[in-house]
Amino acid sequence: MIGEVRIDHNPKLEVEGITVNQFQNRANLPRRLVENLVDEGQRVLNPRISTSVRVRKSHSAEKPLIHFDTRHKLSDEFQALHAELEALS
């Protein structure tokens, strides 16, 4: 898909990595899919962003999750992802 986007829209596109969201660590299929990406040479960023109903609730409250529930594990995951992206730049 990245190759298609480069060909069709942006030949200079550079991908820093893939963010995995809606990740269920206890399920085999999502883990295998991530392993396949890594095996294909794709850079998969950490952490994986988990699945949670809190995201929908924060959308309904019209607040970013990090402000809606600062102590939720997803808030921590998003902060860790932000730190990783900052380290790349």
PDB file of N, CA and C in Angstrom:
ATOM      1  N   MET A   1       0.820  -1.185   0.000  1.00  0.00           N
ATOM      2  CA  MET A   1       0.000   0.000   0.000  1.00  0.00           C
ATOM      3  C   MET A   1       0.875   1.265   0.000  1.00  0.00           C
ATOM      4  N   ILE A   2       1.962   1.229   0.755  1.00  0.00           N
ATOM      5  CA  ILE A   2       2.859   2.382   0.798  1.00  0.00           C
ATOM      6  C   ILE A   2       3.418   2.641  -0.596  1.00  0.00           C
ATOM      7  N   GLY A   3       3.794   1.576  -1.286  1.00  0.00           N
ATOM      8  CA  GLY A   3       4.288   1.713  -2.651  1.00  0.00           C
ATOM      9  C   GLY A   3       3.265   2.328  -3.582  1.00  0.00           C
ATOM     10  N   GLU A   4       2.017   1.934  -3.429  1.00  0.00           N
ATOM     11  CA  GLU A   4       0.948   2.493  -4.261  1.00  0.00           C
ATOM     12  C   GLU A   4       0.784   3.981  -4.011  1.00  0.00           C
ATOM     13  N   VAL A   5       0.833   4.386  -2.751  1.00  0.00           N
ATOM     14  CA  VAL A   5       0.700   5.809  -2.435  1.00  0.00           C
ATOM     15  C   VAL A   5       1.867   6.589  -3.032  1.00  0.00           C
ATOM     16  N   ARG A   6       3.069   6.033  -2.947  1.00  0.00           N
ATOM     17  CA  ARG A   6       4.227   6.697  -3.549  1.00  0.00           C
ATOM     18  C   ARG A   6       4.033   6.863  -5.057  1.00  0.00           C
ATOM     19  N   ILE A   7       3.570   5.813  -5.717  1.00  0.00           N
ATOM     20  CA  ILE A   7       3.394   5.855  -7.168  1.00  0.00           C
ATOM     21  C   ILE A   7       2.279   6.819  -7.557  1.00  0.00           C
ATOM     22  N   ASP A   8       1.141   6.716  -6.878  1.00  0.00           N
ATOM     23  CA  ASP A   8      -0.041   7.483  -7.272  1.00  0.00           C
ATOM     24  C   ASP A   8      -0.054   8.925  -6.778  1.00  0.00           C
ATOM     25  N   HIS A   9       0.545   9.177  -5.592  1.00  0.00           N
ATOM     26  CA  HIS A   9       0.326  10.487  -4.975  1.00  0.00           C
ATOM     27  C   HIS A   9       1.579  11.234  -4.527  1.00  0.00           C
ATOM     28  N   ASN A  10       2.558  10.498  -4.004  1.00  0.00           N
ATOM     29  CA  ASN A  10       3.677  11.195  -3.386  1.00  0.00           C
ATOM     30  C   ASN A  10       4.954  10.358  -3.482  1.00  0.00           C
ATOM     31  N   PRO A  11       5.723  10.541  -4.533  1.00  0.00           N
ATOM     32  CA  PRO A  11       6.922   9.724  -4.705  1.00  0.00           C
ATOM     33  C   PRO A  11       7.979   9.957  -3.626  1.00  0.00           C
ATOM     34  N   LYS A  12       7.880  11.056  -2.894  1.00  0.00           N
ATOM     35  CA  LYS A  12       8.858  11.365  -1.844  1.00  0.00           C
ATOM     36  C   LYS A  12       8.392  10.925  -0.456  1.00  0.00           C
ATOM     37  N   LEU A  13       7.283  10.218  -0.391  1.00  0.00           N
ATOM     38  CA  LEU A  13       6.738   9.783   0.894  1.00  0.00           C
ATOM     39  C   LEU A  13       7.756   8.944   1.656  1.00  0.00           C
ATOM     40  N   GLU A  14       7.975   9.305   2.899  1.00  0.00           N
ATOM     41  CA  GLU A  14       8.816   8.516   3.794  1.00  0.00           C
ATOM     42  C   GLU A  14       7.966   8.104   4.988  1.00  0.00           C
ATOM     43  N   VAL A  15       8.059   6.853   5.353  1.00  0.00           N
ATOM     44  CA  VAL A  15       7.276   6.334   6.466  1.00  0.00           C
ATOM     45  C   VAL A  15       8.215   6.080   7.636  1.00  0.00           C
ATOM     46  N   GLU A  16       7.931   6.743   8.754  1.00  0.00           N
ATOM     47  CA  GLU A  16       8.757   6.564   9.956  1.00  0.00           C
ATOM     48  C   GLU A  16       8.475   5.221  10.617  1.00  0.00           C
ATOM     49  N   GLY A  17       7.251   4.772  10.494  1.00  0.00           N
ATOM     50  CA  GLY A  17       6.872   3.504  11.095  1.00  0.00           C
ATOM     51  C   GLY A  17       5.362   3.349  11.075  1.00  0.00           C
ATOM     52  N   ILE A  18       4.930   2.198  11.479  1.00  0.00           N
ATOM     53  CA  ILE A  18       3.502   1.861  11.500  1.00  0.00           C
ATOM     54  C   ILE A  18       3.032   1.877  12.946  1.00  0.00           C
ATOM     55  N   THR A  19       1.928   2.569  13.184  1.00  0.00           N
ATOM     56  CA  THR A  19       1.305   2.570  14.496  1.00  0.00           C
ATOM     57  C   THR A  19       0.181   1.541  14.480  1.00  0.00           C
ATOM     58  N   VAL A  20       0.245   0.598  15.375  1.00  0.00           N
ATOM     59  CA  VAL A  20      -0.782  -0.436  15.483  1.00  0.00           C
ATOM     60  C   VAL A  20      -1.796   0.030  16.527  1.00  0.00           C
ATOM     61  N   ASN A  21      -3.053   0.163  16.102  1.00  0.00           N
ATOM     62  CA  ASN A  21      -4.090   0.541  17.061  1.00  0.00           C
ATOM     63  C   ASN A  21      -5.168  -0.532  17.114  1.00  0.00           C
ATOM     64  N   GLN A  22      -6.028  -0.399  18.110  1.00  0.00           N
ATOM     65  CA  GLN A  22      -7.070  -1.400  18.362  1.00  0.00           C
ATOM     66  C   GLN A  22      -6.427  -2.772  18.583  1.00  0.00           C
ATOM     67  N   PHE A  23      -5.268  -2.784  19.227  1.00  0.00           N
ATOM     68  CA  PHE A  23      -4.481  -4.003  19.398  1.00  0.00           C
ATOM     69  C   PHE A  23      -4.955  -4.786  20.614  1.00  0.00           C
ATOM     70  N   GLN A  24      -5.153  -6.075  20.419  1.00  0.00           N
ATOM     71  CA  GLN A  24      -5.544  -6.978  21.504  1.00  0.00           C
ATOM     72  C   GLN A  24      -4.401  -7.964  21.714  1.00  0.00           C
ATOM     73  N   ASN A  25      -3.600  -7.705  22.721  1.00  0.00           N
ATOM     74  CA  ASN A  25      -2.381  -8.471  22.952  1.00  0.00           C
ATOM     75  C   ASN A  25      -2.643  -9.947  23.216  1.00  0.00           C
ATOM     76  N   ARG A  26      -3.780 -10.268  23.807  1.00  0.00           N
ATOM     77  CA  ARG A  26      -4.060 -11.673  24.150  1.00  0.00           C
ATOM     78  C   ARG A  26      -4.572 -12.495  22.985  1.00  0.00           C
ATOM     79  N   ALA A  27      -4.901 -11.829  21.892  1.00  0.00           N
ATOM     80  CA  ALA A  27      -5.411 -12.547  20.719  1.00  0.00           C
ATOM     81  C   ALA A  27      -4.251 -12.921  19.802  1.00  0.00           C
ATOM     82  N   ASN A  28      -4.292 -14.116  19.263  1.00  0.00           N
ATOM     83  CA  ASN A  28      -3.206 -14.609  18.415  1.00  0.00           C
ATOM     84  C   ASN A  28      -3.105 -13.889  17.076  1.00  0.00           C
ATOM     85  N   LEU A  29      -4.236 -13.655  16.421  1.00  0.00           N
ATOM     86  CA  LEU A  29      -4.207 -13.063  15.081  1.00  0.00           C
ATOM     87  C   LEU A  29      -3.533 -11.688  15.065  1.00  0.00           C
ATOM     88  N   PRO A  30      -3.894 -10.759  15.944  1.00  0.00           N
ATOM     89  CA  PRO A  30      -3.206  -9.462  15.904  1.00  0.00           C
ATOM     90  C   PRO A  30      -1.697  -9.573  16.134  1.00  0.00           C
ATOM     91  N   ARG A  31      -1.294 -10.446  17.030  1.00  0.00           N
ATOM     92  CA  ARG A  31       0.144 -10.631  17.269  1.00  0.00           C
ATOM     93  C   ARG A  31       0.835 -11.157  16.013  1.00  0.00           C
ATOM     94  N   ARG A  32       0.201 -12.116  15.337  1.00  0.00           N
ATOM     95  CA  ARG A  32       0.786 -12.665  14.114  1.00  0.00           C
ATOM     96  C   ARG A  32       0.868 -11.619  13.008  1.00  0.00           C
ATOM     97  N   LEU A  33      -0.164 -10.787  12.901  1.00  0.00           N
ATOM     98  CA  LEU A  33      -0.153  -9.742  11.877  1.00  0.00           C
ATOM     99  C   LEU A  33       0.997  -8.763  12.106  1.00  0.00           C
ATOM    100  N   VAL A  34       1.217  -8.391  13.359  1.00  0.00           N
ATOM    101  CA  VAL A  34       2.334  -7.492  13.677  1.00  0.00           C
ATOM    102  C   VAL A  34       3.661  -8.190  13.389  1.00  0.00           C
ATOM    103  N   GLU A  35       3.770  -9.453  13.754  1.00  0.00           N
ATOM    104  CA  GLU A  35       4.994 -10.210  13.462  1.00  0.00           C
ATOM    105  C   GLU A  35       5.255 -10.264  11.954  1.00  0.00           C
ATOM    106  N   ASN A  36       4.193 -10.429  11.163  1.00  0.00           N
ATOM    107  CA  ASN A  36       4.343 -10.453   9.703  1.00  0.00           C
ATOM    108  C   ASN A  36       4.877  -9.120   9.184  1.00  0.00           C
ATOM    109  N   LEU A  37       4.369  -8.014   9.724  1.00  0.00           N
ATOM    110  CA  LEU A  37       4.863  -6.703   9.310  1.00  0.00           C
ATOM    111  C   LEU A  37       6.353  -6.566   9.596  1.00  0.00           C
ATOM    112  N   VAL A  38       6.748  -6.992  10.792  1.00  0.00           N
ATOM    113  CA  VAL A  38       8.161  -6.921  11.176  1.00  0.00           C
ATOM    114  C   VAL A  38       8.997  -7.821  10.269  1.00  0.00           C
ATOM    115  N   ASP A  39       8.500  -9.026  10.005  1.00  0.00           N
ATOM    116  CA  ASP A  39       9.218  -9.961   9.125  1.00  0.00           C
ATOM    117  C   ASP A  39       9.386  -9.409   7.711  1.00  0.00           C
ATOM    118  N   GLU A  40       8.426  -8.575   7.278  1.00  0.00           N
ATOM    119  CA  GLU A  40       8.499  -7.953   5.947  1.00  0.00           C
ATOM    120  C   GLU A  40       9.438  -6.753   5.931  1.00  0.00           C
ATOM    121  N   GLY A  41      10.016  -6.435   7.090  1.00  0.00           N
ATOM    122  CA  GLY A  41      10.941  -5.316   7.157  1.00  0.00           C
ATOM    123  C   GLY A  41      10.299  -3.984   7.486  1.00  0.00           C
ATOM    124  N   GLN A  42       9.016  -4.005   7.854  1.00  0.00           N
ATOM    125  CA  GLN A  42       8.342  -2.765   8.220  1.00  0.00           C
ATOM    126  C   GLN A  42       8.712  -2.388   9.655  1.00  0.00           C
ATOM    127  N   ARG A  43       8.877  -1.114   9.887  1.00  0.00           N
ATOM    128  CA  ARG A  43       9.148  -0.646  11.242  1.00  0.00           C
ATOM    129  C   ARG A  43       7.807  -0.441  11.943  1.00  0.00           C
ATOM    130  N   VAL A  44       7.581  -1.202  12.986  1.00  0.00           N
ATOM    131  CA  VAL A  44       6.344  -1.104  13.757  1.00  0.00           C
ATOM    132  C   VAL A  44       6.681  -0.384  15.057  1.00  0.00           C
ATOM    133  N   LEU A  45       6.010   0.740  15.274  1.00  0.00           N
ATOM    134  CA  LEU A  45       6.286   1.554  16.447  1.00  0.00           C
ATOM    135  C   LEU A  45       5.711   0.930  17.705  1.00  0.00           C
ATOM    136  N   ASN A  46       6.321   1.251  18.820  1.00  0.00           N
ATOM    137  CA  ASN A  46       5.813   0.850  20.129  1.00  0.00           C
ATOM    138  C   ASN A  46       5.302   2.081  20.832  1.00  0.00           C
ATOM    139  N   PRO A  47       4.379   1.987  21.711  1.00  0.00           N
ATOM    140  CA  PRO A  47       3.654   0.780  22.052  1.00  0.00           C
ATOM    141  C   PRO A  47       2.533   0.532  21.068  1.00  0.00           C
ATOM    142  N   ARG A  48       1.936  -0.622  21.166  1.00  0.00           N
ATOM    143  CA  ARG A  48       0.709  -0.899  20.425  1.00  0.00           C
ATOM    144  C   ARG A  48      -0.413  -0.179  21.182  1.00  0.00           C
ATOM    145  N   ILE A  49      -1.316   0.425  20.450  1.00  0.00           N
ATOM    146  CA  ILE A  49      -2.425   1.145  21.084  1.00  0.00           C
ATOM    147  C   ILE A  49      -3.575   0.159  21.283  1.00  0.00           C
ATOM    148  N   SER A  50      -3.950  -0.013  22.526  1.00  0.00           N
ATOM    149  CA  SER A  50      -4.966  -1.010  22.895  1.00  0.00           C
ATOM    150  C   SER A  50      -6.372  -0.586  22.479  1.00  0.00           C
ATOM    151  N   THR A  51      -7.268  -1.520  22.576  1.00  0.00           N
ATOM    152  CA  THR A  51      -8.684  -1.283  22.360  1.00  0.00           C
ATOM    153  C   THR A  51      -9.320  -0.871  23.679  1.00  0.00           C
ATOM    154  N   SER A  52     -10.191   0.118  23.622  1.00  0.00           N
ATOM    155  CA  SER A  52     -10.876   0.531  24.842  1.00  0.00           C
ATOM    156  C   SER A  52     -12.136   1.319  24.521  1.00  0.00           C
ATOM    157  N   VAL A  53     -13.141   1.132  25.331  1.00  0.00           N
ATOM    158  CA  VAL A  53     -14.392   1.880  25.220  1.00  0.00           C
ATOM    159  C   VAL A  53     -14.167   3.341  25.614  1.00  0.00           C
ATOM    160  N   ARG A  54     -13.132   3.600  26.397  1.00  0.00           N
ATOM    161  CA  ARG A  54     -12.851   4.962  26.861  1.00  0.00           C
ATOM    162  C   ARG A  54     -12.619   5.919  25.689  1.00  0.00           C
ATOM    163  N   VAL A  55     -12.105   5.418  24.580  1.00  0.00           N
ATOM    164  CA  VAL A  55     -11.891   6.282  23.419  1.00  0.00           C
ATOM    165  C   VAL A  55     -13.231   6.824  22.929  1.00  0.00           C
ATOM    166  N   ARG A  56     -14.210   5.949  22.794  1.00  0.00           N
ATOM    167  CA  ARG A  56     -15.542   6.392  22.354  1.00  0.00           C
ATOM    168  C   ARG A  56     -16.161   7.360  23.355  1.00  0.00           C
ATOM    169  N   LYS A  57     -15.959   7.079  24.633  1.00  0.00           N
ATOM    170  CA  LYS A  57     -16.502   7.974  25.661  1.00  0.00           C
ATOM    171  C   LYS A  57     -15.834   9.344  25.606  1.00  0.00           C
ATOM    172  N   SER A  58     -14.540   9.381  25.351  1.00  0.00           N
ATOM    173  CA  SER A  58     -13.865  10.679  25.241  1.00  0.00           C
ATOM    174  C   SER A  58     -14.355  11.438  24.007  1.00  0.00           C
ATOM    175  N   HIS A  59     -14.640  10.703  22.916  1.00  0.00           N
ATOM    176  CA  HIS A  59     -15.194  11.354  21.724  1.00  0.00           C
ATOM    177  C   HIS A  59     -16.557  11.947  22.035  1.00  0.00           C
ATOM    178  N   SER A  60     -17.385  11.191  22.744  1.00  0.00           N
ATOM    179  CA  SER A  60     -18.717  11.694  23.101  1.00  0.00           C
ATOM    180  C   SER A  60     -18.629  12.919  23.995  1.00  0.00           C
ATOM    181  N   ALA A  61     -17.634  12.938  24.861  1.00  0.00           N
ATOM    182  CA  ALA A  61     -17.438  14.080  25.751  1.00  0.00           C
ATOM    183  C   ALA A  61     -16.714  15.232  25.051  1.00  0.00           C
ATOM    184  N   GLU A  62     -16.304  14.989  23.793  1.00  0.00           N
ATOM    185  CA  GLU A  62     -15.593  15.980  22.986  1.00  0.00           C
ATOM    186  C   GLU A  62     -14.311  16.446  23.663  1.00  0.00           C
ATOM    187  N   LYS A  63     -13.600  15.468  24.237  1.00  0.00           N
ATOM    188  CA  LYS A  63     -12.319  15.752  24.888  1.00  0.00           C
ATOM    189  C   LYS A  63     -11.306  14.717  24.424  1.00  0.00           C
ATOM    190  N   PRO A  64     -10.076  15.151  24.207  1.00  0.00           N
ATOM    191  CA  PRO A  64      -9.034  14.158  23.923  1.00  0.00           C
ATOM    192  C   PRO A  64      -8.909  13.199  25.102  1.00  0.00           C
ATOM    193  N   LEU A  65      -8.624  11.957  24.817  1.00  0.00           N
ATOM    194  CA  LEU A  65      -8.540  10.943  25.867  1.00  0.00           C
ATOM    195  C   LEU A  65      -7.580  11.360  26.980  1.00  0.00           C
ATOM    196  N   ILE A  66      -6.485  11.967  26.604  1.00  0.00           N
ATOM    197  CA  ILE A  66      -5.473  12.332  27.591  1.00  0.00           C
ATOM    198  C   ILE A  66      -6.008  13.353  28.594  1.00  0.00           C
ATOM    199  N   HIS A  67      -7.018  14.134  28.195  1.00  0.00           N
ATOM    200  CA  HIS A  67      -7.670  15.077  29.119  1.00  0.00           C
ATOM    201  C   HIS A  67      -8.895  14.452  29.767  1.00  0.00           C
ATOM    202  N   PHE A  68      -9.521  13.530  29.056  1.00  0.00           N
ATOM    203  CA  PHE A  68     -10.725  12.878  29.564  1.00  0.00           C
ATOM    204  C   PHE A  68     -10.413  11.925  30.704  1.00  0.00           C
ATOM    205  N   ASP A  69      -9.339  11.158  30.555  1.00  0.00           N
ATOM    206  CA  ASP A  69      -8.968  10.167  31.577  1.00  0.00           C
ATOM    207  C   ASP A  69      -7.438  10.036  31.588  1.00  0.00           C
ATOM    208  N   THR A  70      -6.795  10.905  32.339  1.00  0.00           N
ATOM    209  CA  THR A  70      -5.331  10.976  32.326  1.00  0.00           C
ATOM    210  C   THR A  70      -4.669   9.723  32.874  1.00  0.00           C
ATOM    211  N   ARG A  71      -5.368   8.962  33.683  1.00  0.00           N
ATOM    212  CA  ARG A  71      -4.767   7.776  34.291  1.00  0.00           C
ATOM    213  C   ARG A  71      -5.046   6.482  33.537  1.00  0.00           C
ATOM    214  N   HIS A  72      -5.772   6.557  32.453  1.00  0.00           N
ATOM    215  CA  HIS A  72      -6.114   5.360  31.693  1.00  0.00           C
ATOM    216  C   HIS A  72      -4.879   4.827  30.973  1.00  0.00           C
ATOM    217  N   LYS A  73      -4.821   3.512  30.793  1.00  0.00           N
ATOM    218  CA  LYS A  73      -3.655   2.898  30.139  1.00  0.00           C
ATOM    219  C   LYS A  73      -3.463   3.427  28.720  1.00  0.00           C
ATOM    220  N   LEU A  74      -4.544   3.771  28.030  1.00  0.00           N
ATOM    221  CA  LEU A  74      -4.413   4.319  26.678  1.00  0.00           C
ATOM    222  C   LEU A  74      -3.748   5.687  26.695  1.00  0.00           C
ATOM    223  N   SER A  75      -4.017   6.481  27.713  1.00  0.00           N
ATOM    224  CA  SER A  75      -3.341   7.771  27.824  1.00  0.00           C
ATOM    225  C   SER A  75      -1.840   7.551  27.930  1.00  0.00           C
ATOM    226  N   ASP A  76      -1.452   6.574  28.722  1.00  0.00           N
ATOM    227  CA  ASP A  76      -0.030   6.234  28.849  1.00  0.00           C
ATOM    228  C   ASP A  76       0.543   5.738  27.521  1.00  0.00           C
ATOM    229  N   GLU A  77      -0.231   4.914  26.802  1.00  0.00           N
ATOM    230  CA  GLU A  77       0.239   4.389  25.519  1.00  0.00           C
ATOM    231  C   GLU A  77       0.429   5.510  24.500  1.00  0.00           C
ATOM    232  N   PHE A  78      -0.517   6.461  24.465  1.00  0.00           N
ATOM    233  CA  PHE A  78      -0.393   7.584  23.540  1.00  0.00           C
ATOM    234  C   PHE A  78       0.803   8.463  23.903  1.00  0.00           C
ATOM    235  N   GLN A  79       1.037   8.663  25.181  1.00  0.00           N
ATOM    236  CA  GLN A  79       2.194   9.449  25.595  1.00  0.00           C
ATOM    237  C   GLN A  79       3.496   8.745  25.210  1.00  0.00           C
ATOM    238  N   ALA A  80       3.540   7.431  25.376  1.00  0.00           N
ATOM    239  CA  ALA A  80       4.735   6.672  24.990  1.00  0.00           C
ATOM    240  C   ALA A  80       4.943   6.726  23.479  1.00  0.00           C
ATOM    241  N   LEU A  81       3.860   6.653  22.708  1.00  0.00           N
ATOM    242  CA  LEU A  81       3.966   6.762  21.255  1.00  0.00           C
ATOM    243  C   LEU A  81       4.493   8.142  20.870  1.00  0.00           C
ATOM    244  N   HIS A  82       3.973   9.167  21.512  1.00  0.00           N
ATOM    245  CA  HIS A  82       4.446  10.528  21.241  1.00  0.00           C
ATOM    246  C   HIS A  82       5.947  10.640  21.529  1.00  0.00           C
ATOM    247  N   ALA A  83       6.393  10.074  22.633  1.00  0.00           N
ATOM    248  CA  ALA A  83       7.816  10.116  22.982  1.00  0.00           C
ATOM    249  C   ALA A  83       8.646   9.404  21.919  1.00  0.00           C
ATOM    250  N   GLU A  84       8.166   8.272  21.416  1.00  0.00           N
ATOM    251  CA  GLU A  84       8.905   7.553  20.380  1.00  0.00           C
ATOM    252  C   GLU A  84       8.984   8.358  19.092  1.00  0.00           C
ATOM    253  N   LEU A  85       7.874   8.985  18.722  1.00  0.00           N
ATOM    254  CA  LEU A  85       7.865   9.811  17.505  1.00  0.00           C
ATOM    255  C   LEU A  85       8.789  11.015  17.662  1.00  0.00           C
ATOM    256  N   GLU A  86       8.803  11.605  18.828  1.00  0.00           N
ATOM    257  CA  GLU A  86       9.707  12.729  19.089  1.00  0.00           C
ATOM    258  C   GLU A  86      11.155  12.296  18.957  1.00  0.00           C
ATOM    259  N   ALA A  87      11.456  11.106  19.431  1.00  0.00           N
ATOM    260  CA  ALA A  87      12.825  10.592  19.357  1.00  0.00           C
ATOM    261  C   ALA A  87      13.267  10.349  17.915  1.00  0.00           C
ATOM    262  N   LEU A  88      12.316  10.092  17.029  1.00  0.00           N
ATOM    263  CA  LEU A  88      12.646   9.848  15.625  1.00  0.00           C
ATOM    264  C   LEU A  88      13.002  11.128  14.880  1.00  0.00           C
ATOM    265  N   SER A  89      12.476  12.251  15.379  1.00  0.00           N
ATOM    266  CA  SER A  89      12.696  13.513  14.625  1.00  0.00           C
ATOM    267  C   SER A  89      13.887  14.279  15.110  1.00  0.00           C
TER     268      SER A  89
END
